[in-house]
């Protein structure tokens, strides 16, 4: 069992930056592939970015490519999502997910999910 806690979400102006963090407890995070997903009001949850267990493979949604970067620090049991040039349409609750497979990618078949952190982008 692994418990995930997201942090870093807040209100930010369009064009600004935020860094979300996902901290894990209960297991060594390096044993898990991690993904970030988001859900905007009235919309389905969608894939944002993913990183492999080792950190050498990453993927991101077309909508965030070039703006968002996922990274991990296994020594700190943490995965981060650096979000730059934020747009109004990035407003959503952002969720961190983890799975013991070496790679899951954009599938939502992760075994563990956090509670989410709210990101609101204003004009």
PDB file of N, CA and C in Angstrom:
ATOM      1  N   UNK A   1       0.841  -1.190   0.000  1.00  0.00           N
ATOM      2  CA  UNK A   1       0.000   0.000   0.000  1.00  0.00           C
ATOM      3  C   UNK A   1       0.879   1.244   0.000  1.00  0.00           C
ATOM      4  N   UNK A   2       0.538   2.213  -0.827  1.00  0.00           N
ATOM      5  CA  UNK A   2       1.255   3.471  -0.858  1.00  0.00           C
ATOM      6  C   UNK A   2       0.239   4.593  -0.771  1.00  0.00           C
ATOM      7  N   UNK A   3       0.547   5.597   0.011  1.00  0.00           N
ATOM      8  CA  UNK A   3      -0.326   6.751   0.164  1.00  0.00           C
ATOM      9  C   UNK A   3       0.304   7.927  -0.565  1.00  0.00           C
ATOM     10  N   UNK A   4      -0.489   8.572  -1.408  1.00  0.00           N
ATOM     11  CA  UNK A   4      -0.003   9.686  -2.218  1.00  0.00           C
ATOM     12  C   UNK A   4      -0.643  10.981  -1.756  1.00  0.00           C
ATOM     13  N   UNK A   5       0.157  12.025  -1.637  1.00  0.00           N
ATOM     14  CA  UNK A   5      -0.346  13.334  -1.240  1.00  0.00           C
ATOM     15  C   UNK A   5       0.184  14.372  -2.218  1.00  0.00           C
ATOM     16  N   UNK A   6      -0.755  15.045  -2.895  1.00  0.00           N
ATOM     17  CA  UNK A   6      -0.382  16.108  -3.822  1.00  0.00           C
ATOM     18  C   UNK A   6      -0.355  17.446  -3.085  1.00  0.00           C
ATOM     19  N   UNK A   7       0.487  18.337  -3.572  1.00  0.00           N
ATOM     20  CA  UNK A   7       0.554  19.682  -3.020  1.00  0.00           C
ATOM     21  C   UNK A   7       1.024  20.645  -4.107  1.00  0.00           C
ATOM     22  N   UNK A   8       0.827  21.931  -3.833  1.00  0.00           N
ATOM     23  CA  UNK A   8       1.315  22.957  -4.744  1.00  0.00           C
ATOM     24  C   UNK A   8       0.243  23.655  -5.549  1.00  0.00           C
ATOM     25  N   UNK A   9      -0.964  23.138  -5.538  1.00  0.00           N
ATOM     26  CA  UNK A   9      -2.020  23.776  -6.298  1.00  0.00           C
ATOM     27  C   UNK A   9      -2.465  25.084  -5.661  1.00  0.00           C
ATOM     28  N   UNK A  10      -2.785  26.050  -6.499  1.00  0.00           N
ATOM     29  CA  UNK A  10      -3.268  27.340  -6.003  1.00  0.00           C
ATOM     30  C   UNK A  10      -3.809  28.147  -7.163  1.00  0.00           C
ATOM     31  N   UNK A  11      -4.237  29.362  -6.870  1.00  0.00           N
ATOM     32  CA  UNK A  11      -4.703  30.298  -7.895  1.00  0.00           C
ATOM     33  C   UNK A  11      -3.488  30.979  -8.519  1.00  0.00           C
ATOM     34  N   UNK A  12      -3.453  31.007  -9.842  1.00  0.00           N
ATOM     35  CA  UNK A  12      -2.332  31.618 -10.545  1.00  0.00           C
ATOM     36  C   UNK A  12      -2.868  32.305 -11.802  1.00  0.00           C
ATOM     37  N   UNK A  13      -2.194  33.364 -12.213  1.00  0.00           N
ATOM     38  CA  UNK A  13      -2.628  34.069 -13.422  1.00  0.00           C
ATOM     39  C   UNK A  13      -2.168  33.333 -14.674  1.00  0.00           C
ATOM     40  N   UNK A  14      -2.929  33.514 -15.727  1.00  0.00           N
ATOM     41  CA  UNK A  14      -2.551  32.929 -17.007  1.00  0.00           C
ATOM     42  C   UNK A  14      -1.148  33.395 -17.392  1.00  0.00           C
ATOM     43  N   UNK A  15      -0.359  32.473 -17.916  1.00  0.00           N
ATOM     44  CA  UNK A  15       1.016  32.766 -18.267  1.00  0.00           C
ATOM     45  C   UNK A  15       2.008  32.462 -17.157  1.00  0.00           C
ATOM     46  N   UNK A  16       1.486  32.223 -15.963  1.00  0.00           N
ATOM     47  CA  UNK A  16       2.344  31.957 -14.826  1.00  0.00           C
ATOM     48  C   UNK A  16       2.779  30.503 -14.745  1.00  0.00           C
ATOM     49  N   UNK A  17       3.462  30.188 -13.656  1.00  0.00           N
ATOM     50  CA  UNK A  17       4.003  28.847 -13.444  1.00  0.00           C
ATOM     51  C   UNK A  17       3.617  28.301 -12.074  1.00  0.00           C
ATOM     52  N   UNK A  18       3.551  26.986 -11.997  1.00  0.00           N
ATOM     53  CA  UNK A  18       3.320  26.293 -10.739  1.00  0.00           C
ATOM     54  C   UNK A  18       4.117  25.009 -10.754  1.00  0.00           C
ATOM     55  N   UNK A  19       4.474  24.553  -9.572  1.00  0.00           N
ATOM     56  CA  UNK A  19       5.130  23.266  -9.451  1.00  0.00           C
ATOM     57  C   UNK A  19       4.314  22.416  -8.490  1.00  0.00           C
ATOM     58  N   UNK A  20       3.747  21.343  -8.988  1.00  0.00           N
ATOM     59  CA  UNK A  20       3.012  20.409  -8.155  1.00  0.00           C
ATOM     60  C   UNK A  20       3.949  19.300  -7.683  1.00  0.00           C
ATOM     61  N   UNK A  21       3.699  18.854  -6.483  1.00  0.00           N
ATOM     62  CA  UNK A  21       4.493  17.762  -5.936  1.00  0.00           C
ATOM     63  C   UNK A  21       3.577  16.622  -5.516  1.00  0.00           C
ATOM     64  N   UNK A  22       4.090  15.420  -5.654  1.00  0.00           N
ATOM     65  CA  UNK A  22       3.394  14.219  -5.202  1.00  0.00           C
ATOM     66  C   UNK A  22       4.354  13.475  -4.290  1.00  0.00           C
ATOM     67  N   UNK A  23       3.984  13.403  -3.025  1.00  0.00           N
ATOM     68  CA  UNK A  23       4.815  12.709  -2.048  1.00  0.00           C
ATOM     69  C   UNK A  23       4.191  11.365  -1.725  1.00  0.00           C
ATOM     70  N   UNK A  24       5.046  10.382  -1.538  1.00  0.00           N
ATOM     71  CA  UNK A  24       4.574   9.033  -1.250  1.00  0.00           C
ATOM     72  C   UNK A  24       5.028   8.576   0.125  1.00  0.00           C
ATOM     73  N   UNK A  25       4.174   7.838   0.766  1.00  0.00           N
ATOM     74  CA  UNK A  25       4.545   7.243   2.045  1.00  0.00           C
ATOM     75  C   UNK A  25       4.093   5.796   2.047  1.00  0.00           C
ATOM     76  N   UNK A  26       4.736   5.011   2.861  1.00  0.00           N
ATOM     77  CA  UNK A  26       4.329   3.627   2.966  1.00  0.00           C
ATOM     78  C   UNK A  26       5.170   2.670   2.147  1.00  0.00           C
ATOM     79  N   UNK A  27       5.714   3.110   1.061  1.00  0.00           N
ATOM     80  CA  UNK A  27       6.589   2.289   0.223  1.00  0.00           C
ATOM     81  C   UNK A  27       7.645   3.183  -0.410  1.00  0.00           C
ATOM     82  N   UNK A  28       8.691   2.575  -0.899  1.00  0.00           N
ATOM     83  CA  UNK A  28       9.722   3.324  -1.595  1.00  0.00           C
ATOM     84  C   UNK A  28       9.192   3.704  -2.972  1.00  0.00           C
ATOM     85  N   UNK A  29       9.171   5.000  -3.255  1.00  0.00           N
ATOM     86  CA  UNK A  29       8.540   5.501  -4.461  1.00  0.00           C
ATOM     87  C   UNK A  29       9.224   5.029  -5.738  1.00  0.00           C
ATOM     88  N   UNK A  30      10.489   4.708  -5.640  1.00  0.00           N
ATOM     89  CA  UNK A  30      11.221   4.268  -6.833  1.00  0.00           C
ATOM     90  C   UNK A  30      10.703   2.934  -7.364  1.00  0.00           C
ATOM     91  N   UNK A  31       9.855   2.270  -6.599  1.00  0.00           N
ATOM     92  CA  UNK A  31       9.271   1.006  -7.035  1.00  0.00           C
ATOM     93  C   UNK A  31       8.014   1.211  -7.882  1.00  0.00           C
ATOM     94  N   UNK A  32       7.658   2.476  -8.149  1.00  0.00           N
ATOM     95  CA  UNK A  32       6.389   2.748  -8.795  1.00  0.00           C
ATOM     96  C   UNK A  32       6.532   3.678  -9.997  1.00  0.00           C
ATOM     97  N   UNK A  33       5.798   3.365 -11.056  1.00  0.00           N
ATOM     98  CA  UNK A  33       5.588   4.323 -12.133  1.00  0.00           C
ATOM     99  C   UNK A  33       4.538   5.332 -11.656  1.00  0.00           C
ATOM    100  N   UNK A  34       4.641   6.560 -12.113  1.00  0.00           N
ATOM    101  CA  UNK A  34       3.771   7.622 -11.621  1.00  0.00           C
ATOM    102  C   UNK A  34       3.165   8.389 -12.787  1.00  0.00           C
ATOM    103  N   UNK A  35       1.933   8.791 -12.603  1.00  0.00           N
ATOM    104  CA  UNK A  35       1.263   9.613 -13.604  1.00  0.00           C
ATOM    105  C   UNK A  35       0.554  10.778 -12.953  1.00  0.00           C
ATOM    106  N   UNK A  36       0.374  11.839 -13.723  1.00  0.00           N
ATOM    107  CA  UNK A  36      -0.461  12.973 -13.311  1.00  0.00           C
ATOM    108  C   UNK A  36      -1.681  13.014 -14.234  1.00  0.00           C
ATOM    109  N   UNK A  37      -2.826  13.216 -13.632  1.00  0.00           N
ATOM    110  CA  UNK A  37      -4.076  13.358 -14.354  1.00  0.00           C
ATOM    111  C   UNK A  37      -4.771  14.612 -13.838  1.00  0.00           C
ATOM    112  N   UNK A  38      -5.763  15.071 -14.587  1.00  0.00           N
ATOM    113  CA  UNK A  38      -6.534  16.221 -14.122  1.00  0.00           C
ATOM    114  C   UNK A  38      -7.989  16.069 -14.510  1.00  0.00           C
ATOM    115  N   UNK A  39      -8.819  16.730 -13.740  1.00  0.00           N
ATOM    116  CA  UNK A  39     -10.251  16.723 -14.023  1.00  0.00           C
ATOM    117  C   UNK A  39     -10.811  18.113 -13.816  1.00  0.00           C
ATOM    118  N   UNK A  40     -11.324  18.675 -14.890  1.00  0.00           N
ATOM    119  CA  UNK A  40     -11.962  19.988 -14.829  1.00  0.00           C
ATOM    120  C   UNK A  40     -13.446  19.799 -14.542  1.00  0.00           C
ATOM    121  N   UNK A  41     -14.101  20.818 -14.020  1.00  0.00           N
ATOM    122  CA  UNK A  41     -15.537  20.712 -13.714  1.00  0.00           C
ATOM    123  C   UNK A  41     -16.340  20.313 -14.940  1.00  0.00           C
ATOM    124  N   UNK A  42     -17.165  19.295 -14.783  1.00  0.00           N
ATOM    125  CA  UNK A  42     -18.015  18.860 -15.862  1.00  0.00           C
ATOM    126  C   UNK A  42     -17.330  18.056 -16.938  1.00  0.00           C
ATOM    127  N   UNK A  43     -16.057  17.743 -16.741  1.00  0.00           N
ATOM    128  CA  UNK A  43     -15.310  16.993 -17.748  1.00  0.00           C
ATOM    129  C   UNK A  43     -14.774  15.702 -17.161  1.00  0.00           C
ATOM    130  N   UNK A  44     -14.406  14.787 -18.046  1.00  0.00           N
ATOM    131  CA  UNK A  44     -13.815  13.540 -17.585  1.00  0.00           C
ATOM    132  C   UNK A  44     -12.356  13.762 -17.201  1.00  0.00           C
ATOM    133  N   UNK A  45     -11.885  12.889 -16.360  1.00  0.00           N
ATOM    134  CA  UNK A  45     -10.476  12.932 -15.989  1.00  0.00           C
ATOM    135  C   UNK A  45      -9.618  12.647 -17.203  1.00  0.00           C
ATOM    136  N   UNK A  46      -8.507  13.381 -17.339  1.00  0.00           N
ATOM    137  CA  UNK A  46      -7.649  13.191 -18.497  1.00  0.00           C
ATOM    138  C   UNK A  46      -6.192  13.084 -18.080  1.00  0.00           C
ATOM    139  N   UNK A  47      -5.442  12.401 -18.911  1.00  0.00           N
ATOM    140  CA  UNK A  47      -4.019  12.203 -18.692  1.00  0.00           C
ATOM    141  C   UNK A  47      -3.265  13.505 -18.903  1.00  0.00           C
ATOM    142  N   UNK A  48      -2.253  13.736 -18.058  1.00  0.00           N
ATOM    143  CA  UNK A  48      -1.408  14.920 -18.202  1.00  0.00           C
ATOM    144  C   UNK A  48       0.034  14.517 -18.521  1.00  0.00           C
ATOM    145  N   UNK A  49       0.629  13.716 -17.645  1.00  0.00           N
ATOM    146  CA  UNK A  49       2.025  13.321 -17.847  1.00  0.00           C
ATOM    147  C   UNK A  49       2.316  12.061 -17.045  1.00  0.00           C
ATOM    148  N   UNK A  50       3.351  11.341 -17.468  1.00  0.00           N
ATOM    149  CA  UNK A  50       3.719  10.108 -16.772  1.00  0.00           C
ATOM    150  C   UNK A  50       5.231   9.933 -16.792  1.00  0.00           C
ATOM    151  N   UNK A  51       5.714   9.194 -15.808  1.00  0.00           N
ATOM    152  CA  UNK A  51       7.141   8.913 -15.723  1.00  0.00           C
ATOM    153  C   UNK A  51       7.329   7.468 -15.289  1.00  0.00           C
ATOM    154  N   UNK A  52       8.333   6.819 -15.837  1.00  0.00           N
ATOM    155  CA  UNK A  52       8.575   5.421 -15.517  1.00  0.00           C
ATOM    156  C   UNK A  52       9.180   5.273 -14.132  1.00  0.00           C
ATOM    157  N   UNK A  53       9.227   4.046 -13.689  1.00  0.00           N
ATOM    158  CA  UNK A  53       9.782   3.750 -12.377  1.00  0.00           C
ATOM    159  C   UNK A  53      11.215   4.252 -12.251  1.00  0.00           C
ATOM    160  N   UNK A  54      11.978   4.091 -13.299  1.00  0.00           N
ATOM    161  CA  UNK A  54      13.385   4.498 -13.266  1.00  0.00           C
ATOM    162  C   UNK A  54      13.571   5.976 -13.572  1.00  0.00           C
ATOM    163  N   UNK A  55      12.555   6.596 -14.153  1.00  0.00           N
ATOM    164  CA  UNK A  55      12.652   8.009 -14.505  1.00  0.00           C
ATOM    165  C   UNK A  55      13.209   8.268 -15.885  1.00  0.00           C
ATOM    166  N   UNK A  56      13.551   7.220 -16.632  1.00  0.00           N
ATOM    167  CA  UNK A  56      14.173   7.444 -17.930  1.00  0.00           C
ATOM    168  C   UNK A  56      13.172   7.511 -19.076  1.00  0.00           C
ATOM    169  N   UNK A  57      11.915   7.267 -18.794  1.00  0.00           N
ATOM    170  CA  UNK A  57      10.871   7.371 -19.822  1.00  0.00           C
ATOM    171  C   UNK A  57       9.779   8.298 -19.313  1.00  0.00           C
ATOM    172  N   UNK A  58       9.411   9.259 -20.124  1.00  0.00           N
ATOM    173  CA  UNK A  58       8.321  10.162 -19.782  1.00  0.00           C
ATOM    174  C   UNK A  58       7.405  10.324 -20.987  1.00  0.00           C
ATOM    175  N   UNK A  59       6.191  10.781 -20.705  1.00  0.00           N
ATOM    176  CA  UNK A  59       5.232  11.071 -21.753  1.00  0.00           C
ATOM    177  C   UNK A  59       4.319  12.170 -21.234  1.00  0.00           C
ATOM    178  N   UNK A  60       3.749  12.923 -22.135  1.00  0.00           N
ATOM    179  CA  UNK A  60       2.810  13.957 -21.720  1.00  0.00           C
ATOM    180  C   UNK A  60       1.748  14.128 -22.792  1.00  0.00           C
ATOM    181  N   UNK A  61       0.634  14.668 -22.386  1.00  0.00           N
ATOM    182  CA  UNK A  61      -0.458  14.921 -23.314  1.00  0.00           C
ATOM    183  C   UNK A  61      -0.071  16.029 -24.295  1.00  0.00           C
ATOM    184  N   UNK A  62      -0.638  15.955 -25.486  1.00  0.00           N
ATOM    185  CA  UNK A  62      -0.332  16.978 -26.494  1.00  0.00           C
ATOM    186  C   UNK A  62      -0.670  18.378 -25.991  1.00  0.00           C
ATOM    187  N   UNK A  63      -1.709  18.478 -25.191  1.00  0.00           N
ATOM    188  CA  UNK A  63      -2.165  19.787 -24.720  1.00  0.00           C
ATOM    189  C   UNK A  63      -1.170  20.461 -23.782  1.00  0.00           C
ATOM    190  N   UNK A  64      -0.249  19.697 -23.213  1.00  0.00           N
ATOM    191  CA  UNK A  64       0.700  20.283 -22.266  1.00  0.00           C
ATOM    192  C   UNK A  64       2.149  20.154 -22.721  1.00  0.00           C
ATOM    193  N   UNK A  65       2.360  19.502 -23.846  1.00  0.00           N
ATOM    194  CA  UNK A  65       3.737  19.316 -24.340  1.00  0.00           C
ATOM    195  C   UNK A  65       4.414  20.660 -24.546  1.00  0.00           C
ATOM    196  N   UNK A  66       5.647  20.739 -24.081  1.00  0.00           N
ATOM    197  CA  UNK A  66       6.391  21.980 -24.181  1.00  0.00           C
ATOM    198  C   UNK A  66       6.124  22.951 -23.056  1.00  0.00           C
ATOM    199  N   UNK A  67       5.102  22.680 -22.255  1.00  0.00           N
ATOM    200  CA  UNK A  67       4.778  23.570 -21.133  1.00  0.00           C
ATOM    201  C   UNK A  67       4.938  22.871 -19.781  1.00  0.00           C
ATOM    202  N   UNK A  68       4.591  21.600 -19.701  1.00  0.00           N
ATOM    203  CA  UNK A  68       4.651  20.842 -18.454  1.00  0.00           C
ATOM    204  C   UNK A  68       5.792  19.830 -18.523  1.00  0.00           C
ATOM    205  N   UNK A  69       6.456  19.645 -17.393  1.00  0.00           N
ATOM    206  CA  UNK A  69       7.543  18.667 -17.309  1.00  0.00           C
ATOM    207  C   UNK A  69       7.379  17.831 -16.043  1.00  0.00           C
ATOM    208  N   UNK A  70       7.411  16.529 -16.212  1.00  0.00           N
ATOM    209  CA  UNK A  70       7.335  15.631 -15.067  1.00  0.00           C
ATOM    210  C   UNK A  70       8.738  15.154 -14.729  1.00  0.00           C
ATOM    211  N   UNK A  71       9.014  15.047 -13.437  1.00  0.00           N
ATOM    212  CA  UNK A  71      10.331  14.576 -13.004  1.00  0.00           C
ATOM    213  C   UNK A  71      10.168  13.866 -11.669  1.00  0.00           C
ATOM    214  N   UNK A  72      11.189  13.136 -11.283  1.00  0.00           N
ATOM    215  CA  UNK A  72      11.111  12.427  -9.998  1.00  0.00           C
ATOM    216  C   UNK A  72      12.439  12.498  -9.270  1.00  0.00           C
ATOM    217  N   UNK A  73      12.336  12.515  -7.952  1.00  0.00           N
ATOM    218  CA  UNK A  73      13.495  12.449  -7.083  1.00  0.00           C
ATOM    219  C   UNK A  73      13.252  11.276  -6.146  1.00  0.00           C
ATOM    220  N   UNK A  74      13.749  10.129  -6.517  1.00  0.00           N
ATOM    221  CA  UNK A  74      13.473   8.927  -5.736  1.00  0.00           C
ATOM    222  C   UNK A  74      14.106   8.985  -4.349  1.00  0.00           C
ATOM    223  N   UNK A  75      15.177   9.736  -4.220  1.00  0.00           N
ATOM    224  CA  UNK A  75      15.799   9.875  -2.894  1.00  0.00           C
ATOM    225  C   UNK A  75      14.858  10.589  -1.929  1.00  0.00           C
ATOM    226  N   UNK A  76      14.013  11.463  -2.473  1.00  0.00           N
ATOM    227  CA  UNK A  76      13.068  12.205  -1.636  1.00  0.00           C
ATOM    228  C   UNK A  76      11.664  11.606  -1.690  1.00  0.00           C
ATOM    229  N   UNK A  77      11.504  10.479  -2.412  1.00  0.00           N
ATOM    230  CA  UNK A  77      10.188   9.849  -2.529  1.00  0.00           C
ATOM    231  C   UNK A  77       9.165  10.822  -3.104  1.00  0.00           C
ATOM    232  N   UNK A  78       9.550  11.540  -4.165  1.00  0.00           N
ATOM    233  CA  UNK A  78       8.681  12.582  -4.661  1.00  0.00           C
ATOM    234  C   UNK A  78       8.718  12.649  -6.195  1.00  0.00           C
ATOM    235  N   UNK A  79       7.557  12.982  -6.764  1.00  0.00           N
ATOM    236  CA  UNK A  79       7.448  13.249  -8.198  1.00  0.00           C
ATOM    237  C   UNK A  79       6.870  14.652  -8.348  1.00  0.00           C
ATOM    238  N   UNK A  80       7.409  15.415  -9.280  1.00  0.00           N
ATOM    239  CA  UNK A  80       6.970  16.791  -9.474  1.00  0.00           C
ATOM    240  C   UNK A  80       6.415  16.996 -10.873  1.00  0.00           C
ATOM    241  N   UNK A  81       5.559  17.987 -10.986  1.00  0.00           N
ATOM    242  CA  UNK A  81       5.027  18.413 -12.279  1.00  0.00           C
ATOM    243  C   UNK A  81       5.250  19.915 -12.369  1.00  0.00           C
ATOM    244  N   UNK A  82       6.207  20.318 -13.190  1.00  0.00           N
ATOM    245  CA  UNK A  82       6.472  21.722 -13.415  1.00  0.00           C
ATOM    246  C   UNK A  82       5.568  22.211 -14.528  1.00  0.00           C
ATOM    247  N   UNK A  83       4.757  23.213 -14.222  1.00  0.00           N
ATOM    248  CA  UNK A  83       3.781  23.710 -15.184  1.00  0.00           C
ATOM    249  C   UNK A  83       4.103  25.163 -15.502  1.00  0.00           C
ATOM    250  N   UNK A  84       4.434  25.417 -16.743  1.00  0.00           N
ATOM    251  CA  UNK A  84       4.758  26.766 -17.199  1.00  0.00           C
ATOM    252  C   UNK A  84       3.731  27.248 -18.211  1.00  0.00           C
ATOM    253  N   UNK A  85       3.728  28.544 -18.424  1.00  0.00           N
ATOM    254  CA  UNK A  85       2.823  29.161 -19.403  1.00  0.00           C
ATOM    255  C   UNK A  85       1.402  28.630 -19.239  1.00  0.00           C
ATOM    256  N   UNK A  86       0.912  28.727 -18.029  1.00  0.00           N
ATOM    257  CA  UNK A  86      -0.414  28.179 -17.720  1.00  0.00           C
ATOM    258  C   UNK A  86      -1.503  28.910 -18.475  1.00  0.00           C
ATOM    259  N   UNK A  87      -2.506  28.134 -18.885  1.00  0.00           N
ATOM    260  CA  UNK A  87      -3.653  28.660 -19.618  1.00  0.00           C
ATOM    261  C   UNK A  87      -4.921  28.472 -18.797  1.00  0.00           C
ATOM    262  N   UNK A  88      -5.949  29.219 -19.164  1.00  0.00           N
ATOM    263  CA  UNK A  88      -7.225  29.088 -18.456  1.00  0.00           C
ATOM    264  C   UNK A  88      -7.709  27.642 -18.469  1.00  0.00           C
ATOM    265  N   UNK A  89      -7.492  26.962 -19.581  1.00  0.00           N
ATOM    266  CA  UNK A  89      -7.976  25.590 -19.716  1.00  0.00           C
ATOM    267  C   UNK A  89      -7.175  24.574 -18.907  1.00  0.00           C
ATOM    268  N   UNK A  90      -6.135  25.016 -18.230  1.00  0.00           N
ATOM    269  CA  UNK A  90      -5.408  24.128 -17.319  1.00  0.00           C
ATOM    270  C   UNK A  90      -6.064  24.058 -15.945  1.00  0.00           C
ATOM    271  N   UNK A  91      -7.080  24.858 -15.732  1.00  0.00           N
ATOM    272  CA  UNK A  91      -7.798  24.831 -14.459  1.00  0.00           C
ATOM    273  C   UNK A  91      -8.440  23.469 -14.250  1.00  0.00           C
ATOM    274  N   UNK A  92      -8.119  22.847 -13.124  1.00  0.00           N
ATOM    275  CA  UNK A  92      -8.612  21.495 -12.845  1.00  0.00           C
ATOM    276  C   UNK A  92      -8.096  21.044 -11.485  1.00  0.00           C
ATOM    277  N   UNK A  93      -8.646  19.937 -11.031  1.00  0.00           N
ATOM    278  CA  UNK A  93      -8.047  19.228  -9.899  1.00  0.00           C
ATOM    279  C   UNK A  93      -7.017  18.257 -10.489  1.00  0.00           C
ATOM    280  N   UNK A  94      -5.803  18.335  -9.972  1.00  0.00           N
ATOM    281  CA  UNK A  94      -4.715  17.503 -10.470  1.00  0.00           C
ATOM    282  C   UNK A  94      -4.464  16.347  -9.506  1.00  0.00           C
ATOM    283  N   UNK A  95      -4.411  15.152 -10.071  1.00  0.00           N
ATOM    284  CA  UNK A  95      -4.240  13.940  -9.286  1.00  0.00           C
ATOM    285  C   UNK A  95      -2.920  13.254  -9.640  1.00  0.00           C
ATOM    286  N   UNK A  96      -2.288  12.741  -8.618  1.00  0.00           N
ATOM    287  CA  UNK A  96      -1.100  11.913  -8.776  1.00  0.00           C
ATOM    288  C   UNK A  96      -1.534  10.452  -8.639  1.00  0.00           C
ATOM    289  N   UNK A  97      -0.945   9.591  -9.445  1.00  0.00           N
ATOM    290  CA  UNK A  97      -1.267   8.169  -9.399  1.00  0.00           C
ATOM    291  C   UNK A  97       0.017   7.357  -9.490  1.00  0.00           C
ATOM    292  N   UNK A  98       0.012   6.197  -8.871  1.00  0.00           N
ATOM    293  CA  UNK A  98       1.215   5.356  -8.865  1.00  0.00           C
ATOM    294  C   UNK A  98       0.845   3.887  -9.065  1.00  0.00           C
ATOM    295  N   UNK A  99       1.773   3.154  -9.640  1.00  0.00           N
ATOM    296  CA  UNK A  99       1.556   1.724  -9.883  1.00  0.00           C
ATOM    297  C   UNK A  99       2.894   1.007  -9.818  1.00  0.00           C
ATOM    298  N   UNK A 100       2.922  -0.209  -9.301  1.00  0.00           N
ATOM    299  CA  UNK A 100       4.184  -0.933  -9.190  1.00  0.00           C
ATOM    300  C   UNK A 100       4.775  -1.416 -10.526  1.00  0.00           C
ATOM    301  N   UNK A 101       4.041  -1.316 -11.615  1.00  0.00           N
ATOM    302  CA  UNK A 101       4.618  -1.651 -12.928  1.00  0.00           C
ATOM    303  C   UNK A 101       5.685  -0.633 -13.286  1.00  0.00           C
ATOM    304  N   UNK A 102       6.614  -1.043 -14.135  1.00  0.00           N
ATOM    305  CA  UNK A 102       7.705  -0.134 -14.484  1.00  0.00           C
ATOM    306  C   UNK A 102       7.220   1.037 -15.341  1.00  0.00           C
ATOM    307  N   UNK A 103       6.132   0.835 -16.077  1.00  0.00           N
ATOM    308  CA  UNK A 103       5.590   1.890 -16.936  1.00  0.00           C
ATOM    309  C   UNK A 103       4.104   1.669 -17.130  1.00  0.00           C
ATOM    310  N   UNK A 104       3.325   2.734 -16.964  1.00  0.00           N
ATOM    311  CA  UNK A 104       1.890   2.669 -17.203  1.00  0.00           C
ATOM    312  C   UNK A 104       1.493   3.676 -18.283  1.00  0.00           C
ATOM    313  N   UNK A 105       2.083   4.844 -18.231  1.00  0.00           N
ATOM    314  CA  UNK A 105       1.824   5.844 -19.254  1.00  0.00           C
ATOM    315  C   UNK A 105       0.478   6.518 -19.096  1.00  0.00           C
ATOM    316  N   UNK A 106      -0.223   6.699 -20.212  1.00  0.00           N
ATOM    317  CA  UNK A 106      -1.446   7.483 -20.221  1.00  0.00           C
ATOM    318  C   UNK A 106      -2.687   6.707 -19.795  1.00  0.00           C
ATOM    319  N   UNK A 107      -2.556   5.417 -19.618  1.00  0.00           N
ATOM    320  CA  UNK A 107      -3.691   4.632 -19.131  1.00  0.00           C
ATOM    321  C   UNK A 107      -4.046   5.053 -17.708  1.00  0.00           C
ATOM    322  N   UNK A 108      -5.321   4.992 -17.358  1.00  0.00           N
ATOM    323  CA  UNK A 108      -5.696   5.327 -15.981  1.00  0.00           C
ATOM    324  C   UNK A 108      -5.706   4.093 -15.082  1.00  0.00           C
ATOM    325  N   UNK A 109      -5.017   3.044 -15.495  1.00  0.00           N
ATOM    326  CA  UNK A 109      -5.000   1.813 -14.714  1.00  0.00           C
ATOM    327  C   UNK A 109      -3.982   1.787 -13.591  1.00  0.00           C
ATOM    328  N   UNK A 110      -3.746   2.933 -12.969  1.00  0.00           N
ATOM    329  CA  UNK A 110      -2.832   2.990 -11.837  1.00  0.00           C
ATOM    330  C   UNK A 110      -3.515   2.433 -10.591  1.00  0.00           C
ATOM    331  N   UNK A 111      -2.745   1.779  -9.752  1.00  0.00           N
ATOM    332  CA  UNK A 111      -3.316   1.128  -8.573  1.00  0.00           C
ATOM    333  C   UNK A 111      -3.652   2.103  -7.454  1.00  0.00           C
ATOM    334  N   UNK A 112      -2.891   3.178  -7.343  1.00  0.00           N
ATOM    335  CA  UNK A 112      -3.046   4.109  -6.217  1.00  0.00           C
ATOM    336  C   UNK A 112      -3.234   5.532  -6.716  1.00  0.00           C
ATOM    337  N   UNK A 113      -4.101   6.255  -6.036  1.00  0.00           N
ATOM    338  CA  UNK A 113      -4.427   7.626  -6.415  1.00  0.00           C
ATOM    339  C   UNK A 113      -4.412   8.523  -5.191  1.00  0.00           C
ATOM    340  N   UNK A 114      -3.963   9.771  -5.410  1.00  0.00           N
ATOM    341  CA  UNK A 114      -4.043  10.755  -4.350  1.00  0.00           C
ATOM    342  C   UNK A 114      -5.401  11.429  -4.335  1.00  0.00           C
ATOM    343  N   UNK A 115      -5.562  12.389  -3.425  1.00  0.00           N
ATOM    344  CA  UNK A 115      -6.836  13.094  -3.257  1.00  0.00           C
ATOM    345  C   UNK A 115      -6.971  14.295  -4.176  1.00  0.00           C
ATOM    346  N   UNK A 116      -5.872  14.729  -4.757  1.00  0.00           N
ATOM    347  CA  UNK A 116      -5.927  15.825  -5.712  1.00  0.00           C
ATOM    348  C   UNK A 116      -5.576  17.176  -5.107  1.00  0.00           C
ATOM    349  N   UNK A 117      -5.128  18.073  -5.970  1.00  0.00           N
ATOM    350  CA  UNK A 117      -4.845  19.447  -5.571  1.00  0.00           C
ATOM    351  C   UNK A 117      -5.414  20.371  -6.639  1.00  0.00           C
ATOM    352  N   UNK A 118      -6.060  21.448  -6.189  1.00  0.00           N
ATOM    353  CA  UNK A 118      -6.768  22.335  -7.107  1.00  0.00           C
ATOM    354  C   UNK A 118      -5.805  23.346  -7.722  1.00  0.00           C
ATOM    355  N   UNK A 119      -5.844  23.418  -9.043  1.00  0.00           N
ATOM    356  CA  UNK A 119      -5.123  24.455  -9.776  1.00  0.00           C
ATOM    357  C   UNK A 119      -6.154  25.325 -10.484  1.00  0.00           C
ATOM    358  N   UNK A 120      -6.111  26.608 -10.223  1.00  0.00           N
ATOM    359  CA  UNK A 120      -7.033  27.536 -10.863  1.00  0.00           C
ATOM    360  C   UNK A 120      -6.230  28.611 -11.573  1.00  0.00           C
ATOM    361  N   UNK A 121      -6.457  28.735 -12.869  1.00  0.00           N
ATOM    362  CA  UNK A 121      -5.765  29.732 -13.667  1.00  0.00           C
ATOM    363  C   UNK A 121      -6.750  30.848 -14.004  1.00  0.00           C
ATOM    364  N   UNK A 122      -6.388  32.054 -13.645  1.00  0.00           N
ATOM    365  CA  UNK A 122      -7.276  33.201 -13.878  1.00  0.00           C
ATOM    366  C   UNK A 122      -6.714  34.102 -14.966  1.00  0.00           C
ATOM    367  N   UNK A 123      -7.607  34.881 -15.572  1.00  0.00           N
ATOM    368  CA  UNK A 123      -7.188  35.794 -16.646  1.00  0.00           C
ATOM    369  C   UNK A 123      -6.703  37.115 -16.104  1.00  0.00           C
TER     370      UNK A 123
END
